[in-house]
PDB file of N, CA and C in Angstrom:
ATOM      1  N   MET A   1      55.148 -22.663  -3.187  1.00  0.00           N
ATOM      2  CA  MET A   1      54.060 -22.421  -2.231  1.00  0.00           C
ATOM      3  C   MET A   1      54.035 -21.446  -1.522  1.00  0.00           C
ATOM      4  N   ALA A   2      53.629 -19.969  -1.104  1.00  0.00           N
ATOM      5  CA  ALA A   2      53.887 -19.374  -0.051  1.00  0.00           C
ATOM      6  C   ALA A   2      53.784 -19.452   1.289  1.00  0.00           C
ATOM      7  N   SER A   3      52.890 -20.514   1.649  1.00  0.00           N
ATOM      8  CA  SER A   3      52.308 -20.981   3.280  1.00  0.00           C
ATOM      9  C   SER A   3      52.613 -22.675   3.091  1.00  0.00           C
ATOM     10  N   GLU A   4      52.700 -23.229   4.346  1.00  0.00           N
ATOM     11  CA  GLU A   4      53.196 -24.809   4.526  1.00  0.00           C
ATOM     12  C   GLU A   4      52.147 -24.923   5.786  1.00  0.00           C
ATOM     13  N   HIS A   5      51.151 -26.207   5.574  1.00  0.00           N
ATOM     14  CA  HIS A   5      50.174 -26.685   6.251  1.00  0.00           C
ATOM     15  C   HIS A   5      50.523 -27.710   7.468  1.00  0.00           C
ATOM     16  N   CYS A   6      50.196 -27.157   8.704  1.00  0.00           N
ATOM     17  CA  CYS A   6      50.555 -27.380  10.005  1.00  0.00           C
ATOM     18  C   CYS A   6      49.604 -27.933  10.372  1.00  0.00           C
ATOM     19  N   ALA A   7      49.553 -29.538  11.244  1.00  0.00           N
ATOM     20  CA  ALA A   7      47.792 -29.640  11.855  1.00  0.00           C
ATOM     21  C   ALA A   7      49.128 -30.508  13.380  1.00  0.00           C
ATOM     22  N   ALA A   8      48.000 -29.542  14.496  1.00  0.00           N
ATOM     23  CA  ALA A   8      49.364 -29.850  16.093  1.00  0.00           C
ATOM     24  C   ALA A   8      47.777 -30.810  16.482  1.00  0.00           C
ATOM     25  N   TRP A   9      48.227 -32.118  17.072  1.00  0.00           N
ATOM     26  CA  TRP A   9      46.889 -31.894  18.217  1.00  0.00           C
ATOM     27  C   TRP A   9      47.583 -31.128  19.553  1.00  0.00           C
ATOM     28  N   ASN A  10      45.760 -30.935  20.302  1.00  0.00           N
ATOM     29  CA  ASN A  10      45.943 -30.552  21.357  1.00  0.00           C
ATOM     30  C   ASN A  10      44.950 -30.892  21.908  1.00  0.00           C
ATOM     31  N   ASP A  11      46.047 -31.939  23.044  1.00  0.00           N
ATOM     32  CA  ASP A  11      45.781 -32.350  24.059  1.00  0.00           C
ATOM     33  C   ASP A  11      44.692 -32.528  24.576  1.00  0.00           C
ATOM     34  N   ALA A  12      44.348 -31.152  25.280  1.00  0.00           N
ATOM     35  CA  ALA A  12      43.663 -30.533  26.419  1.00  0.00           C
ATOM     36  C   ALA A  12      42.665 -30.396  26.131  1.00  0.00           C
ATOM     37  N   ASP A  13      41.944 -29.245  24.581  1.00  0.00           N
ATOM     38  CA  ASP A  13      41.399 -29.490  24.293  1.00  0.00           C
ATOM     39  C   ASP A  13      40.096 -31.543  23.387  1.00  0.00           C
ATOM     40  N   SER A  14      41.550 -31.490  23.290  1.00  0.00           N
ATOM     41  CA  SER A  14      40.802 -32.972  22.820  1.00  0.00           C
ATOM     42  C   SER A  14      40.648 -32.397  21.596  1.00  0.00           C
ATOM     43  N   ARG A  15      41.333 -31.642  20.242  1.00  0.00           N
ATOM     44  CA  ARG A  15      41.272 -31.753  18.904  1.00  0.00           C
ATOM     45  C   ARG A  15      42.466 -31.617  17.920  1.00  0.00           C
ATOM     46  N   ILE A  16      42.263 -31.542  17.263  1.00  0.00           N
ATOM     47  CA  ILE A  16      43.210 -30.930  16.408  1.00  0.00           C
ATOM     48  C   ILE A  16      43.364 -30.196  15.513  1.00  0.00           C
ATOM     49  N   GLU A  17      44.248 -29.174  15.440  1.00  0.00           N
ATOM     50  CA  GLU A  17      44.504 -27.743  14.806  1.00  0.00           C
ATOM     51  C   GLU A  17      44.652 -27.407  13.683  1.00  0.00           C
ATOM     52  N   MET A  18      44.562 -27.150  12.609  1.00  0.00           N
ATOM     53  CA  MET A  18      44.862 -26.680  11.293  1.00  0.00           C
ATOM     54  C   MET A  18      45.413 -25.319  10.858  1.00  0.00           C
ATOM     55  N   GLN A  19      46.208 -25.814  10.336  1.00  0.00           N
ATOM     56  CA  GLN A  19      47.178 -24.138  10.601  1.00  0.00           C
ATOM     57  C   GLN A  19      47.848 -24.011   9.299  1.00  0.00           C
ATOM     58  N   LEU A  20      47.592 -22.502   8.489  1.00  0.00           N
ATOM     59  CA  LEU A  20      49.228 -22.443   7.180  1.00  0.00           C
ATOM     60  C   LEU A  20      50.279 -21.414   7.704  1.00  0.00           C
ATOM     61  N   VAL A  21      51.213 -21.960   7.732  1.00  0.00           N
ATOM     62  CA  VAL A  21      51.695 -20.676   8.196  1.00  0.00           C
ATOM     63  C   VAL A  21      52.775 -19.990   7.250  1.00  0.00           C
ATOM     64  N   ALA A  22      52.909 -19.028   7.079  1.00  0.00           N
ATOM     65  CA  ALA A  22      53.258 -18.771   5.308  1.00  0.00           C
ATOM     66  C   ALA A  22      55.115 -18.706   5.878  1.00  0.00           C
ATOM     67  N   ARG A  23      55.321 -18.799   5.288  1.00  0.00           N
ATOM     68  CA  ARG A  23      56.798 -18.818   4.533  1.00  0.00           C
ATOM     69  C   ARG A  23      57.581 -17.813   4.403  1.00  0.00           C
ATOM     70  N   ASN A  24      56.969 -16.805   3.842  1.00  0.00           N
ATOM     71  CA  ASN A  24      57.911 -15.265   4.292  1.00  0.00           C
ATOM     72  C   ASN A  24      56.441 -13.990   3.998  1.00  0.00           C
ATOM     73  N   ASP A  25      56.454 -13.161   4.430  1.00  0.00           N
ATOM     74  CA  ASP A  25      56.905 -12.248   4.159  1.00  0.00           C
ATOM     75  C   ASP A  25      55.228 -11.969   3.256  1.00  0.00           C
ATOM     76  N   GLN A  26      54.156 -11.323   3.223  1.00  0.00           N
ATOM     77  CA  GLN A  26      52.718 -11.083   1.903  1.00  0.00           C
ATOM     78  C   GLN A  26      52.083 -11.343   1.390  1.00  0.00           C
ATOM     79  N   SER A  27      51.231 -10.095   1.163  1.00  0.00           N
ATOM     80  CA  SER A  27      49.986 -10.311   1.291  1.00  0.00           C
ATOM     81  C   SER A  27      48.527 -11.058   0.503  1.00  0.00           C
ATOM     82  N   VAL A  28      47.722 -11.002   0.741  1.00  0.00           N
ATOM     83  CA  VAL A  28      46.547 -11.840   0.766  1.00  0.00           C
ATOM     84  C   VAL A  28      45.313 -11.119   1.167  1.00  0.00           C
ATOM     85  N   ARG A  29      45.511 -11.792  -0.598  1.00  0.00           N
ATOM     86  CA  ARG A  29      43.759 -10.715  -0.667  1.00  0.00           C
ATOM     87  C   ARG A  29      42.520 -12.015  -0.989  1.00  0.00           C
ATOM     88  N   ILE A  30      40.977 -12.023  -0.692  1.00  0.00           N
ATOM     89  CA  ILE A  30      39.446 -13.022  -0.957  1.00  0.00           C
ATOM     90  C   ILE A  30      38.965 -12.565  -1.244  1.00  0.00           C
ATOM     91  N   SER A  31      39.253 -12.125  -2.275  1.00  0.00           N
ATOM     92  CA  SER A  31      37.305 -12.188  -3.570  1.00  0.00           C
ATOM     93  C   SER A  31      36.703 -12.024  -2.108  1.00  0.00           C
ATOM     94  N   ALA A  32      36.637 -13.818  -2.191  1.00  0.00           N
ATOM     95  CA  ALA A  32      35.164 -14.144  -1.223  1.00  0.00           C
ATOM     96  C   ALA A  32      35.246 -13.760  -0.343  1.00  0.00           C
ATOM     97  N   LEU A  33      35.650 -12.795  -0.026  1.00  0.00           N
ATOM     98  CA  LEU A  33      35.454 -11.466   0.952  1.00  0.00           C
ATOM     99  C   LEU A  33      34.808 -10.334   0.760  1.00  0.00           C
ATOM    100  N   ASP A  34      35.147 -10.142  -0.034  1.00  0.00           N
ATOM    101  CA  ASP A  34      34.768  -8.753  -0.945  1.00  0.00           C
ATOM    102  C   ASP A  34      36.096  -8.356  -1.293  1.00  0.00           C
ATOM    103  N   GLY A  35      37.566  -9.023  -1.179  1.00  0.00           N
ATOM    104  CA  GLY A  35      38.706  -8.354  -1.970  1.00  0.00           C
ATOM    105  C   GLY A  35      38.645  -8.231  -0.440  1.00  0.00           C
ATOM    106  N   LEU A  36      38.657  -8.715   0.436  1.00  0.00           N
ATOM    107  CA  LEU A  36      39.371  -8.730   2.015  1.00  0.00           C
ATOM    108  C   LEU A  36      41.577  -9.151   1.671  1.00  0.00           C
ATOM    109  N   GLU A  37      41.575  -7.965   2.220  1.00  0.00           N
ATOM    110  CA  GLU A  37      43.545  -8.299   2.601  1.00  0.00           C
ATOM    111  C   GLU A  37      43.578  -8.189   3.261  1.00  0.00           C
ATOM    112  N   PHE A  38      44.888  -8.822   3.616  1.00  0.00           N
ATOM    113  CA  PHE A  38      45.607  -8.050   4.542  1.00  0.00           C
ATOM    114  C   PHE A  38      47.340  -9.200   4.551  1.00  0.00           C
ATOM    115  N   ASP A  39      48.274  -8.417   5.045  1.00  0.00           N
ATOM    116  CA  ASP A  39      49.587  -8.666   5.401  1.00  0.00           C
ATOM    117  C   ASP A  39      49.968  -8.898   6.872  1.00  0.00           C
ATOM    118  N   LEU A  40      50.899 -10.280   5.856  1.00  0.00           N
ATOM    119  CA  LEU A  40      51.597 -11.522   7.091  1.00  0.00           C
ATOM    120  C   LEU A  40      52.487 -11.520   7.107  1.00  0.00           C
ATOM    121  N   ARG A  41      53.157 -11.477   8.006  1.00  0.00           N
ATOM    122  CA  ARG A  41      55.099 -11.655   8.069  1.00  0.00           C
ATOM    123  C   ARG A  41      55.182 -13.720   7.981  1.00  0.00           C
ATOM    124  N   ALA A  42      56.649 -13.764   7.999  1.00  0.00           N
ATOM    125  CA  ALA A  42      57.086 -14.881   7.431  1.00  0.00           C
ATOM    126  C   ALA A  42      56.920 -15.919   9.013  1.00  0.00           C
ATOM    127  N   GLY A  43      55.868 -17.072   9.035  1.00  0.00           N
ATOM    128  CA  GLY A  43      56.223 -17.725  10.275  1.00  0.00           C
ATOM    129  C   GLY A  43      54.476 -17.206  10.536  1.00  0.00           C
ATOM    130  N   GLU A  44      53.992 -16.585  10.353  1.00  0.00           N
ATOM    131  CA  GLU A  44      52.451 -16.214  10.954  1.00  0.00           C
ATOM    132  C   GLU A  44      52.229 -17.019  11.147  1.00  0.00           C
ATOM    133  N   HIS A  45      50.554 -18.005  11.906  1.00  0.00           N
ATOM    134  CA  HIS A  45      49.742 -19.010  11.282  1.00  0.00           C
ATOM    135  C   HIS A  45      48.643 -18.011  10.444  1.00  0.00           C
ATOM    136  N   ILE A  46      47.564 -18.959   9.976  1.00  0.00           N
ATOM    137  CA  ILE A  46      46.305 -18.951  10.072  1.00  0.00           C
ATOM    138  C   ILE A  46      45.407 -19.818  10.399  1.00  0.00           C
ATOM    139  N   ARG A  47      44.489 -19.999  11.587  1.00  0.00           N
ATOM    140  CA  ARG A  47      44.244 -21.398  11.461  1.00  0.00           C
ATOM    141  C   ARG A  47      43.349 -21.179   9.998  1.00  0.00           C
ATOM    142  N   THR A  48      42.869 -22.873   9.762  1.00  0.00           N
ATOM    143  CA  THR A  48      41.702 -23.323   9.343  1.00  0.00           C
ATOM    144  C   THR A  48      41.220 -23.890   9.087  1.00  0.00           C
ATOM    145  N   GLU A  49      41.528 -24.226  10.338  1.00  0.00           N
ATOM    146  CA  GLU A  49      40.028 -25.360  10.507  1.00  0.00           C
ATOM    147  C   GLU A  49      40.941 -26.207  12.211  1.00  0.00           C
ATOM    148  N   ILE A  50      39.271 -26.524  12.835  1.00  0.00           N
ATOM    149  CA  ILE A  50      39.596 -27.458  13.900  1.00  0.00           C
ATOM    150  C   ILE A  50      39.001 -28.735  13.825  1.00  0.00           C
ATOM    151  N   SER A  51      39.319 -29.828  14.091  1.00  0.00           N
ATOM    152  CA  SER A  51      38.556 -31.072  14.839  1.00  0.00           C
ATOM    153  C   SER A  51      37.983 -31.174  15.722  1.00  0.00           C
ATOM    154  N   ALA A  52      37.275 -31.106  15.842  1.00  0.00           N
ATOM    155  CA  ALA A  52      36.726 -31.625  17.342  1.00  0.00           C
ATOM    156  C   ALA A  52      36.957 -32.791  18.028  1.00  0.00           C
ATOM    157  N   LYS A  53      37.025 -33.944  18.929  1.00  0.00           N
ATOM    158  CA  LYS A  53      36.852 -35.950  19.201  1.00  0.00           C
ATOM    159  C   LYS A  53      36.248 -35.575  19.902  1.00  0.00           C
ATOM    160  N   PHE A  54      35.397 -36.667  20.757  1.00  0.00           N
ATOM    161  CA  PHE A  54      34.671 -36.517  21.498  1.00  0.00           C
ATOM    162  C   PHE A  54      34.220 -38.004  21.764  1.00  0.00           C
ATOM    163  N   THR A  55      33.724 -38.527  22.744  1.00  0.00           N
ATOM    164  CA  THR A  55      34.234 -39.559  23.857  1.00  0.00           C
ATOM    165  C   THR A  55      32.685 -39.685  22.773  1.00  0.00           C
ATOM    166  N   PRO A  56      32.761 -40.935  22.671  1.00  0.00           N
ATOM    167  CA  PRO A  56      31.017 -41.908  22.695  1.00  0.00           C
ATOM    168  C   PRO A  56      30.122 -40.746  24.243  1.00  0.00           C
ATOM    169  N   SER A  57      30.394 -41.420  25.340  1.00  0.00           N
ATOM    170  CA  SER A  57      29.617 -39.610  26.508  1.00  0.00           C
ATOM    171  C   SER A  57      29.076 -39.361  25.619  1.00  0.00           C
ATOM    172  N   GLN A  58      30.060 -37.784  25.456  1.00  0.00           N
ATOM    173  CA  GLN A  58      29.684 -36.834  24.917  1.00  0.00           C
ATOM    174  C   GLN A  58      28.907 -36.723  23.983  1.00  0.00           C
ATOM    175  N   VAL A  59      29.273 -37.666  23.121  1.00  0.00           N
ATOM    176  CA  VAL A  59      28.315 -37.471  22.167  1.00  0.00           C
ATOM    177  C   VAL A  59      26.026 -38.127  22.728  1.00  0.00           C
ATOM    178  N   HIS A  60      26.440 -38.690  22.873  1.00  0.00           N
ATOM    179  CA  HIS A  60      25.294 -38.943  23.678  1.00  0.00           C
ATOM    180  C   HIS A  60      24.631 -37.908  24.841  1.00  0.00           C
ATOM    181  N   GLN A  61      25.938 -36.975  25.640  1.00  0.00           N
ATOM    182  CA  GLN A  61      25.275 -35.679  26.532  1.00  0.00           C
ATOM    183  C   GLN A  61      24.425 -34.432  25.096  1.00  0.00           C
ATOM    184  N   GLU A  62      25.484 -34.523  24.340  1.00  0.00           N
ATOM    185  CA  GLU A  62      24.504 -33.313  23.148  1.00  0.00           C
ATOM    186  C   GLU A  62      24.214 -33.830  23.037  1.00  0.00           C
ATOM    187  N   LEU A  63      23.593 -35.044  22.569  1.00  0.00           N
ATOM    188  CA  LEU A  63      22.176 -35.018  21.779  1.00  0.00           C
ATOM    189  C   LEU A  63      21.275 -34.782  22.444  1.00  0.00           C
ATOM    190  N   ALA A  64      21.180 -35.598  24.184  1.00  0.00           N
ATOM    191  CA  ALA A  64      20.521 -34.993  25.252  1.00  0.00           C
ATOM    192  C   ALA A  64      19.929 -34.377  24.943  1.00  0.00           C
ATOM    193  N   GLU A  65      20.750 -33.054  25.257  1.00  0.00           N
ATOM    194  CA  GLU A  65      20.993 -31.485  25.732  1.00  0.00           C
ATOM    195  C   GLU A  65      20.280 -30.893  24.457  1.00  0.00           C
ATOM    196  N   ALA A  66      20.678 -31.871  23.354  1.00  0.00           N
ATOM    197  CA  ALA A  66      19.780 -31.194  22.037  1.00  0.00           C
ATOM    198  C   ALA A  66      18.263 -31.605  21.357  1.00  0.00           C
ATOM    199  N   GLY A  67      17.757 -32.915  23.416  1.00  0.00           N
ATOM    200  CA  GLY A  67      16.332 -33.808  22.908  1.00  0.00           C
ATOM    201  C   GLY A  67      16.247 -33.919  21.805  1.00  0.00           C
ATOM    202  N   LEU A  68      17.079 -34.866  22.152  1.00  0.00           N
ATOM    203  CA  LEU A  68      17.311 -36.792  20.866  1.00  0.00           C
ATOM    204  C   LEU A  68      17.501 -37.045  21.742  1.00  0.00           C
ATOM    205  N   VAL A  69      17.440 -38.771  21.432  1.00  0.00           N
ATOM    206  CA  VAL A  69      17.707 -39.919  22.511  1.00  0.00           C
ATOM    207  C   VAL A  69      18.394 -40.632  21.586  1.00  0.00           C
ATOM    208  N   THR A  70      19.442 -41.653  21.770  1.00  0.00           N
ATOM    209  CA  THR A  70      19.852 -42.341  21.196  1.00  0.00           C
ATOM    210  C   THR A  70      19.987 -43.670  20.781  1.00  0.00           C
ATOM    211  N   GLU A  71      19.729 -44.243  19.326  1.00  0.00           N
ATOM    212  CA  GLU A  71      18.738 -46.150  19.494  1.00  0.00           C
ATOM    213  C   GLU A  71      19.997 -46.557  19.528  1.00  0.00           C
ATOM    214  N   SER A  72      20.795 -45.993  18.232  1.00  0.00           N
ATOM    215  CA  SER A  72      22.088 -46.364  18.379  1.00  0.00           C
ATOM    216  C   SER A  72      23.605 -46.385  18.248  1.00  0.00           C
ATOM    217  N   ALA A  73      24.368 -47.218  18.212  1.00  0.00           N
ATOM    218  CA  ALA A  73      25.444 -46.322  16.944  1.00  0.00           C
ATOM    219  C   ALA A  73      26.507 -47.473  17.406  1.00  0.00           C
ATOM    220  N   TRP A  74      27.245 -46.529  16.002  1.00  0.00           N
ATOM    221  CA  TRP A  74      28.119 -48.248  16.045  1.00  0.00           C
ATOM    222  C   TRP A  74      29.589 -47.419  15.770  1.00  0.00           C
ATOM    223  N   THR A  75      30.721 -48.423  15.869  1.00  0.00           N
ATOM    224  CA  THR A  75      32.165 -48.111  15.544  1.00  0.00           C
ATOM    225  C   THR A  75      32.738 -48.936  14.633  1.00  0.00           C
ATOM    226  N   ASP A  76      34.297 -48.232  14.302  1.00  0.00           N
ATOM    227  CA  ASP A  76      34.976 -50.021  13.847  1.00  0.00           C
ATOM    228  C   ASP A  76      35.700 -50.312  14.827  1.00  0.00           C
ATOM    229  N   HIS A  77      36.518 -51.094  14.441  1.00  0.00           N
ATOM    230  CA  HIS A  77      36.828 -52.159  14.729  1.00  0.00           C
ATOM    231  C   HIS A  77      38.005 -51.262  16.004  1.00  0.00           C
ATOM    232  N   ARG A  78      38.223 -50.559  16.344  1.00  0.00           N
ATOM    233  CA  ARG A  78      39.802 -50.036  17.447  1.00  0.00           C
ATOM    234  C   ARG A  78      38.324 -49.497  17.602  1.00  0.00           C
ATOM    235  N   ASP A  79      37.537 -48.524  17.533  1.00  0.00           N
ATOM    236  CA  ASP A  79      36.571 -48.236  18.578  1.00  0.00           C
ATOM    237  C   ASP A  79      36.927 -46.948  18.297  1.00  0.00           C
ATOM    238  N   ARG A  80      37.281 -45.637  16.355  1.00  0.00           N
ATOM    239  CA  ARG A  80      37.844 -44.704  16.849  1.00  0.00           C
ATOM    240  C   ARG A  80      37.029 -43.845  16.029  1.00  0.00           C
ATOM    241  N   PHE A  81      35.883 -44.946  15.338  1.00  0.00           N
ATOM    242  CA  PHE A  81      35.286 -43.610  14.983  1.00  0.00           C
ATOM    243  C   PHE A  81      33.974 -44.266  15.538  1.00  0.00           C
ATOM    244  N   MET A  82      32.695 -43.287  15.211  1.00  0.00           N
ATOM    245  CA  MET A  82      30.907 -44.173  15.426  1.00  0.00           C
ATOM    246  C   MET A  82      30.316 -43.033  14.954  1.00  0.00           C
ATOM    247  N   VAL A  83      29.320 -43.752  14.782  1.00  0.00           N
ATOM    248  CA  VAL A  83      28.172 -43.431  13.726  1.00  0.00           C
ATOM    249  C   VAL A  83      27.547 -43.774  14.765  1.00  0.00           C
ATOM    250  N   THR A  84      25.613 -42.299  14.848  1.00  0.00           N
ATOM    251  CA  THR A  84      25.205 -42.641  15.687  1.00  0.00           C
ATOM    252  C   THR A  84      23.564 -42.470  15.877  1.00  0.00           C
ATOM    253  N   LEU A  85      22.642 -42.746  16.008  1.00  0.00           N
ATOM    254  CA  LEU A  85      21.303 -42.619  15.050  1.00  0.00           C
ATOM    255  C   LEU A  85      21.079 -42.023  16.795  1.00  0.00           C
ATOM    256  N   ALA A  86      20.083 -41.298  15.709  1.00  0.00           N
ATOM    257  CA  ALA A  86      19.128 -41.137  17.066  1.00  0.00           C
ATOM    258  C   ALA A  86      18.010 -39.975  16.766  1.00  0.00           C
ATOM    259  N   ARG A  87      17.150 -39.708  17.796  1.00  0.00           N
ATOM    260  CA  ARG A  87      16.233 -39.737  17.138  1.00  0.00           C
ATOM    261  C   ARG A  87      15.150 -38.396  18.310  1.00  0.00           C
ATOM    262  N   PRO A  88      14.148 -37.550  18.195  1.00  0.00           N
ATOM    263  CA  PRO A  88      13.389 -36.408  19.180  1.00  0.00           C
ATOM    264  C   PRO A  88      13.049 -37.584  20.159  1.00  0.00           C
ATOM    265  N   ARG A  89      13.047 -36.983  21.273  1.00  0.00           N
ATOM    266  CA  ARG A  89      12.348 -37.720  22.682  1.00  0.00           C
ATOM    267  C   ARG A  89      10.771 -37.600  22.078  1.00  0.00           C
TER     268      ARG A  89
END
């Protein structure tokens, strides 16, 4: 494999940042982007994903700012995940 997956928690922004780290110098071509090609040096990172984490109050605030009101919210038994039902005001 030419790259290694790296996932790191960013405490300041409450998010997980995923990256690919080049194991060696290489050229990368992305056909889906009209053959875009770029060079990577060994150790260089490409960010592939950011997974943000929100508190319940942040979710409710963002919904309110979008013109929605929270009807109900459910969490798992450890409060790690939440599903929220919202409707227009």
